[in-house]
Amino acid sequence: MTEPNRPQDWIEDVKTEVSGMAREGINHPSTKPVLTGAAIGVVAGAVLPVISWPIGLLAGAGFALYQRIRK
């Protein structure tokens, strides 16, 4: 039986991914999907009356980053 990832492992994965994106810029494989998720979040935030575009941006980028880390 394998042990599930502990929160520390997940946090380390996020730190590694974000620092790689900051270091490599647009050439990093995660940058384009995260930017696409942020753009989708901005559009959703502009359309929906409950949230604003900054919240949509953060939610979209966060979800896309989560999807990349989870793989």
PDB file of N, CA and C in Angstrom:
ATOM      1  N   MET A   1       0.851  -1.180   0.000  1.00  0.00           N
ATOM      2  CA  MET A   1       0.000   0.000   0.000  1.00  0.00           C
ATOM      3  C   MET A   1       0.892   1.237   0.000  1.00  0.00           C
ATOM      4  N   THR A   2       0.626   2.148  -0.890  1.00  0.00           N
ATOM      5  CA  THR A   2       1.442   3.350  -0.954  1.00  0.00           C
ATOM      6  C   THR A   2       0.894   4.416  -0.029  1.00  0.00           C
ATOM      7  N   GLU A   3       1.781   5.193   0.510  1.00  0.00           N
ATOM      8  CA  GLU A   3       1.397   6.272   1.409  1.00  0.00           C
ATOM      9  C   GLU A   3       0.991   7.499   0.589  1.00  0.00           C
ATOM     10  N   PRO A   4      -0.150   8.124   0.893  1.00  0.00           N
ATOM     11  CA  PRO A   4      -0.548   9.312   0.128  1.00  0.00           C
ATOM     12  C   PRO A   4       0.429  10.451   0.368  1.00  0.00           C
ATOM     13  N   ASN A   5       0.476  11.378  -0.613  1.00  0.00           N
ATOM     14  CA  ASN A   5       1.372  12.523  -0.474  1.00  0.00           C
ATOM     15  C   ASN A   5       1.001  13.344   0.751  1.00  0.00           C
ATOM     16  N   ARG A   6       2.009  13.665   1.517  1.00  0.00           N
ATOM     17  CA  ARG A   6       1.785  14.521   2.670  1.00  0.00           C
ATOM     18  C   ARG A   6       1.717  15.960   2.195  1.00  0.00           C
ATOM     19  N   PRO A   7       1.103  16.851   2.971  1.00  0.00           N
ATOM     20  CA  PRO A   7       1.015  18.260   2.558  1.00  0.00           C
ATOM     21  C   PRO A   7       2.375  18.888   2.287  1.00  0.00           C
ATOM     22  N   GLN A   8       3.404  18.479   3.002  1.00  0.00           N
ATOM     23  CA  GLN A   8       4.727  19.044   2.781  1.00  0.00           C
ATOM     24  C   GLN A   8       5.240  18.702   1.390  1.00  0.00           C
ATOM     25  N   ASP A   9       4.954  17.498   0.918  1.00  0.00           N
ATOM     26  CA  ASP A   9       5.379  17.098  -0.418  1.00  0.00           C
ATOM     27  C   ASP A   9       4.679  17.943  -1.474  1.00  0.00           C
ATOM     28  N   TRP A  10       3.399  18.187  -1.291  1.00  0.00           N
ATOM     29  CA  TRP A  10       2.624  18.980  -2.233  1.00  0.00           C
ATOM     30  C   TRP A  10       3.115  20.427  -2.240  1.00  0.00           C
ATOM     31  N   ILE A  11       3.407  20.961  -1.074  1.00  0.00           N
ATOM     32  CA  ILE A  11       3.915  22.331  -0.976  1.00  0.00           C
ATOM     33  C   ILE A  11       5.272  22.431  -1.659  1.00  0.00           C
ATOM     34  N   GLU A  12       6.112  21.451  -1.476  1.00  0.00           N
ATOM     35  CA  GLU A  12       7.421  21.445  -2.150  1.00  0.00           C
ATOM     36  C   GLU A  12       7.257  21.386  -3.655  1.00  0.00           C
ATOM     37  N   ASP A  13       6.301  20.591  -4.131  1.00  0.00           N
ATOM     38  CA  ASP A  13       6.039  20.519  -5.568  1.00  0.00           C
ATOM     39  C   ASP A  13       5.600  21.870  -6.120  1.00  0.00           C
ATOM     40  N   VAL A  14       4.740  22.570  -5.376  1.00  0.00           N
ATOM     41  CA  VAL A  14       4.287  23.891  -5.811  1.00  0.00           C
ATOM     42  C   VAL A  14       5.457  24.873  -5.836  1.00  0.00           C
ATOM     43  N   LYS A  15       6.280  24.853  -4.800  1.00  0.00           N
ATOM     44  CA  LYS A  15       7.440  25.754  -4.749  1.00  0.00           C
ATOM     45  C   LYS A  15       8.379  25.488  -5.920  1.00  0.00           C
ATOM     46  N   THR A  16       8.631  24.235  -6.204  1.00  0.00           N
ATOM     47  CA  THR A  16       9.516  23.873  -7.308  1.00  0.00           C
ATOM     48  C   THR A  16       8.941  24.329  -8.641  1.00  0.00           C
ATOM     49  N   GLU A  17       7.647  24.123  -8.830  1.00  0.00           N
ATOM     50  CA  GLU A  17       7.004  24.487 -10.089  1.00  0.00           C
ATOM     51  C   GLU A  17       6.994  26.004 -10.290  1.00  0.00           C
ATOM     52  N   VAL A  18       6.629  26.741  -9.251  1.00  0.00           N
ATOM     53  CA  VAL A  18       6.559  28.200  -9.360  1.00  0.00           C
ATOM     54  C   VAL A  18       7.944  28.792  -9.551  1.00  0.00           C
ATOM     55  N   SER A  19       8.937  28.269  -8.854  1.00  0.00           N
ATOM     56  CA  SER A  19      10.293  28.803  -9.037  1.00  0.00           C
ATOM     57  C   SER A  19      10.821  28.461 -10.431  1.00  0.00           C
ATOM     58  N   GLY A  20      10.469  27.301 -10.950  1.00  0.00           N
ATOM     59  CA  GLY A  20      10.859  26.959 -12.318  1.00  0.00           C
ATOM     60  C   GLY A  20      10.196  27.866 -13.329  1.00  0.00           C
ATOM     61  N   MET A  21       8.929  28.195 -13.102  1.00  0.00           N
ATOM     62  CA  MET A  21       8.230  29.113 -13.998  1.00  0.00           C
ATOM     63  C   MET A  21       8.842  30.505 -13.931  1.00  0.00           C
ATOM     64  N   ALA A  22       9.225  30.934 -12.738  1.00  0.00           N
ATOM     65  CA  ALA A  22       9.845  32.259 -12.597  1.00  0.00           C
ATOM     66  C   ALA A  22      11.227  32.290 -13.246  1.00  0.00           C
ATOM     67  N   ARG A  23      11.955  31.196 -13.156  1.00  0.00           N
ATOM     68  CA  ARG A  23      13.317  31.143 -13.697  1.00  0.00           C
ATOM     69  C   ARG A  23      13.313  31.018 -15.225  1.00  0.00           C
ATOM     70  N   GLU A  24      12.449  30.170 -15.767  1.00  0.00           N
ATOM     71  CA  GLU A  24      12.461  29.894 -17.205  1.00  0.00           C
ATOM     72  C   GLU A  24      11.484  30.754 -17.996  1.00  0.00           C
ATOM     73  N   GLY A  25      10.540  31.386 -17.316  1.00  0.00           N
ATOM     74  CA  GLY A  25       9.575  32.241 -17.998  1.00  0.00           C
ATOM     75  C   GLY A  25       8.642  31.449 -18.892  1.00  0.00           C
ATOM     76  N   ILE A  26       8.400  31.957 -20.087  1.00  0.00           N
ATOM     77  CA  ILE A  26       7.444  31.354 -21.014  1.00  0.00           C
ATOM     78  C   ILE A  26       7.930  30.000 -21.546  1.00  0.00           C
ATOM     79  N   ASN A  27       9.213  29.702 -21.413  1.00  0.00           N
ATOM     80  CA  ASN A  27       9.754  28.430 -21.890  1.00  0.00           C
ATOM     81  C   ASN A  27       9.435  27.252 -20.964  1.00  0.00           C
ATOM     82  N   HIS A  28       8.988  27.527 -19.753  1.00  0.00           N
ATOM     83  CA  HIS A  28       8.645  26.452 -18.821  1.00  0.00           C
ATOM     84  C   HIS A  28       7.331  25.810 -19.271  1.00  0.00           C
ATOM     85  N   PRO A  29       7.221  24.482 -19.185  1.00  0.00           N
ATOM     86  CA  PRO A  29       6.015  23.808 -19.675  1.00  0.00           C
ATOM     87  C   PRO A  29       4.732  24.174 -18.920  1.00  0.00           C
ATOM     88  N   SER A  30       4.824  24.671 -17.721  1.00  0.00           N
ATOM     89  CA  SER A  30       3.620  25.008 -16.958  1.00  0.00           C
ATOM     90  C   SER A  30       3.160  26.449 -17.161  1.00  0.00           C
ATOM     91  N   THR A  31       3.974  27.286 -17.743  1.00  0.00           N
ATOM     92  CA  THR A  31       3.631  28.699 -17.832  1.00  0.00           C
ATOM     93  C   THR A  31       2.406  28.937 -18.706  1.00  0.00           C
ATOM     94  N   LYS A  32       2.379  28.361 -19.877  1.00  0.00           N
ATOM     95  CA  LYS A  32       1.259  28.604 -20.789  1.00  0.00           C
ATOM     96  C   LYS A  32      -0.070  28.096 -20.241  1.00  0.00           C
ATOM     97  N   PRO A  33      -0.149  26.880 -19.675  1.00  0.00           N
ATOM     98  CA  PRO A  33      -1.435  26.448 -19.102  1.00  0.00           C
ATOM     99  C   PRO A  33      -1.887  27.324 -17.927  1.00  0.00           C
ATOM    100  N   VAL A  34      -0.952  27.778 -17.106  1.00  0.00           N
ATOM    101  CA  VAL A  34      -1.323  28.620 -15.971  1.00  0.00           C
ATOM    102  C   VAL A  34      -1.809  29.982 -16.457  1.00  0.00           C
ATOM    103  N   LEU A  35      -1.150  30.543 -17.466  1.00  0.00           N
ATOM    104  CA  LEU A  35      -1.611  31.811 -18.025  1.00  0.00           C
ATOM    105  C   LEU A  35      -2.971  31.665 -18.699  1.00  0.00           C
ATOM    106  N   THR A  36      -3.194  30.538 -19.348  1.00  0.00           N
ATOM    107  CA  THR A  36      -4.500  30.281 -19.959  1.00  0.00           C
ATOM    108  C   THR A  36      -5.581  30.172 -18.888  1.00  0.00           C
ATOM    109  N   GLY A  37      -5.278  29.484 -17.809  1.00  0.00           N
ATOM    110  CA  GLY A  37      -6.230  29.386 -16.698  1.00  0.00           C
ATOM    111  C   GLY A  37      -6.527  30.742 -16.084  1.00  0.00           C
ATOM    112  N   ALA A  38      -5.498  31.580 -15.972  1.00  0.00           N
ATOM    113  CA  ALA A  38      -5.698  32.930 -15.446  1.00  0.00           C
ATOM    114  C   ALA A  38      -6.595  33.741 -16.372  1.00  0.00           C
ATOM    115  N   ALA A  39      -6.389  33.624 -17.680  1.00  0.00           N
ATOM    116  CA  ALA A  39      -7.216  34.352 -18.644  1.00  0.00           C
ATOM    117  C   ALA A  39      -8.668  33.893 -18.585  1.00  0.00           C
ATOM    118  N   ILE A  40      -8.890  32.606 -18.474  1.00  0.00           N
ATOM    119  CA  ILE A  40     -10.249  32.080 -18.357  1.00  0.00           C
ATOM    120  C   ILE A  40     -10.897  32.588 -17.066  1.00  0.00           C
ATOM    121  N   GLY A  41     -10.109  32.634 -15.994  1.00  0.00           N
ATOM    122  CA  GLY A  41     -10.623  33.152 -14.725  1.00  0.00           C
ATOM    123  C   GLY A  41     -10.998  34.618 -14.806  1.00  0.00           C
ATOM    124  N   VAL A  42     -10.218  35.413 -15.540  1.00  0.00           N
ATOM    125  CA  VAL A  42     -10.533  36.834 -15.710  1.00  0.00           C
ATOM    126  C   VAL A  42     -11.844  36.998 -16.461  1.00  0.00           C
ATOM    127  N   VAL A  43     -12.021  36.225 -17.523  1.00  0.00           N
ATOM    128  CA  VAL A  43     -13.263  36.303 -18.295  1.00  0.00           C
ATOM    129  C   VAL A  43     -14.445  35.883 -17.423  1.00  0.00           C
ATOM    130  N   ALA A  44     -14.286  34.813 -16.670  1.00  0.00           N
ATOM    131  CA  ALA A  44     -15.370  34.372 -15.786  1.00  0.00           C
ATOM    132  C   ALA A  44     -15.656  35.420 -14.719  1.00  0.00           C
ATOM    133  N   GLY A  45     -14.622  36.049 -14.190  1.00  0.00           N
ATOM    134  CA  GLY A  45     -14.817  37.092 -13.183  1.00  0.00           C
ATOM    135  C   GLY A  45     -15.491  38.320 -13.744  1.00  0.00           C
ATOM    136  N   ALA A  46     -15.239  38.633 -15.003  1.00  0.00           N
ATOM    137  CA  ALA A  46     -15.878  39.788 -15.627  1.00  0.00           C
ATOM    138  C   ALA A  46     -17.341  39.503 -15.939  1.00  0.00           C
ATOM    139  N   VAL A  47     -17.666  38.259 -16.260  1.00  0.00           N
ATOM    140  CA  VAL A  47     -19.036  37.895 -16.640  1.00  0.00           C
ATOM    141  C   VAL A  47     -19.918  37.677 -15.410  1.00  0.00           C
ATOM    142  N   LEU A  48     -19.391  37.012 -14.405  1.00  0.00           N
ATOM    143  CA  LEU A  48     -20.191  36.694 -13.226  1.00  0.00           C
ATOM    144  C   LEU A  48     -20.281  37.911 -12.298  1.00  0.00           C
ATOM    145  N   PRO A  49     -21.467  38.230 -11.824  1.00  0.00           N
ATOM    146  CA  PRO A  49     -21.622  39.411 -10.984  1.00  0.00           C
ATOM    147  C   PRO A  49     -21.127  39.218  -9.543  1.00  0.00           C
ATOM    148  N   VAL A  50     -20.932  37.982  -9.133  1.00  0.00           N
ATOM    149  CA  VAL A  50     -20.569  37.708  -7.746  1.00  0.00           C
ATOM    150  C   VAL A  50     -19.081  37.926  -7.485  1.00  0.00           C
ATOM    151  N   ILE A  51     -18.239  37.618  -8.461  1.00  0.00           N
ATOM    152  CA  ILE A  51     -16.792  37.756  -8.267  1.00  0.00           C
ATOM    153  C   ILE A  51     -16.237  38.816  -9.222  1.00  0.00           C
ATOM    154  N   SER A  52     -15.092  39.334  -8.883  1.00  0.00           N
ATOM    155  CA  SER A  52     -14.456  40.331  -9.748  1.00  0.00           C
ATOM    156  C   SER A  52     -13.315  39.661 -10.512  1.00  0.00           C
ATOM    157  N   TRP A  53     -12.738  40.383 -11.470  1.00  0.00           N
ATOM    158  CA  TRP A  53     -11.701  39.771 -12.304  1.00  0.00           C
ATOM    159  C   TRP A  53     -10.438  39.403 -11.528  1.00  0.00           C
ATOM    160  N   PRO A  54     -10.003  40.157 -10.479  1.00  0.00           N
ATOM    161  CA  PRO A  54      -8.802  39.685  -9.763  1.00  0.00           C
ATOM    162  C   PRO A  54      -9.011  38.342  -9.059  1.00  0.00           C
ATOM    163  N   ILE A  55     -10.200  38.156  -8.523  1.00  0.00           N
ATOM    164  CA  ILE A  55     -10.488  36.872  -7.868  1.00  0.00           C
ATOM    165  C   ILE A  55     -10.539  35.763  -8.915  1.00  0.00           C
ATOM    166  N   GLY A  56     -11.134  36.054 -10.067  1.00  0.00           N
ATOM    167  CA  GLY A  56     -11.164  35.085 -11.150  1.00  0.00           C
ATOM    168  C   GLY A  56      -9.777  34.741 -11.647  1.00  0.00           C
ATOM    169  N   LEU A  57      -8.920  35.748 -11.742  1.00  0.00           N
ATOM    170  CA  LEU A  57      -7.537  35.535 -12.180  1.00  0.00           C
ATOM    171  C   LEU A  57      -6.815  34.584 -11.229  1.00  0.00           C
ATOM    172  N   LEU A  58      -6.911  34.857  -9.942  1.00  0.00           N
ATOM    173  CA  LEU A  58      -6.244  33.997  -8.955  1.00  0.00           C
ATOM    174  C   LEU A  58      -6.828  32.589  -8.944  1.00  0.00           C
ATOM    175  N   ALA A  59      -8.150  32.496  -9.042  1.00  0.00           N
ATOM    176  CA  ALA A  59      -8.781  31.181  -9.035  1.00  0.00           C
ATOM    177  C   ALA A  59      -8.401  30.384 -10.276  1.00  0.00           C
ATOM    178  N   GLY A  60      -8.418  31.018 -11.435  1.00  0.00           N
ATOM    179  CA  GLY A  60      -8.065  30.323 -12.674  1.00  0.00           C
ATOM    180  C   GLY A  60      -6.615  29.876 -12.698  1.00  0.00           C
ATOM    181  N   ALA A  61      -5.714  30.768 -12.289  1.00  0.00           N
ATOM    182  CA  ALA A  61      -4.294  30.419 -12.257  1.00  0.00           C
ATOM    183  C   ALA A  61      -4.023  29.331 -11.217  1.00  0.00           C
ATOM    184  N   GLY A  62      -4.667  29.441 -10.068  1.00  0.00           N
ATOM    185  CA  GLY A  62      -4.483  28.445  -9.021  1.00  0.00           C
ATOM    186  C   GLY A  62      -4.985  27.074  -9.437  1.00  0.00           C
ATOM    187  N   PHE A  63      -6.142  27.047 -10.092  1.00  0.00           N
ATOM    188  CA  PHE A  63      -6.681  25.768 -10.551  1.00  0.00           C
ATOM    189  C   PHE A  63      -5.787  25.138 -11.611  1.00  0.00           C
ATOM    190  N   ALA A  64      -5.303  25.953 -12.555  1.00  0.00           N
ATOM    191  CA  ALA A  64      -4.426  25.417 -13.599  1.00  0.00           C
ATOM    192  C   ALA A  64      -3.116  24.900 -13.000  1.00  0.00           C
ATOM    193  N   LEU A  65      -2.566  25.613 -12.033  1.00  0.00           N
ATOM    194  CA  LEU A  65      -1.339  25.158 -11.376  1.00  0.00           C
ATOM    195  C   LEU A  65      -1.592  23.860 -10.616  1.00  0.00           C
ATOM    196  N   TYR A  66      -2.729  23.783  -9.953  1.00  0.00           N
ATOM    197  CA  TYR A  66      -3.088  22.552  -9.240  1.00  0.00           C
ATOM    198  C   TYR A  66      -3.175  21.372 -10.206  1.00  0.00           C
ATOM    199  N   GLN A  67      -3.778  21.593 -11.366  1.00  0.00           N
ATOM    200  CA  GLN A  67      -3.890  20.530 -12.362  1.00  0.00           C
ATOM    201  C   GLN A  67      -2.509  20.084 -12.840  1.00  0.00           C
ATOM    202  N   ARG A  68      -1.578  21.011 -12.995  1.00  0.00           N
ATOM    203  CA  ARG A  68      -0.221  20.668 -13.425  1.00  0.00           C
ATOM    204  C   ARG A  68       0.532  19.890 -12.336  1.00  0.00           C
ATOM    205  N   ILE A  69       0.358  20.279 -11.081  1.00  0.00           N
ATOM    206  CA  ILE A  69       1.067  19.628  -9.968  1.00  0.00           C
ATOM    207  C   ILE A  69       0.509  18.228  -9.738  1.00  0.00           C
ATOM    208  N   ARG A  70      -0.778  18.071  -9.913  1.00  0.00           N
ATOM    209  CA  ARG A  70      -1.440  16.806  -9.615  1.00  0.00           C
ATOM    210  C   ARG A  70      -0.999  15.688 -10.538  1.00  0.00           C
ATOM    211  N   LYS A  71      -0.548  15.991 -11.738  1.00  0.00           N
ATOM    212  CA  LYS A  71      -0.166  14.953 -12.713  1.00  0.00           C
ATOM    213  C   LYS A  71       1.003  14.145 -12.281  1.00  0.00           C
TER     214      LYS A  71
END
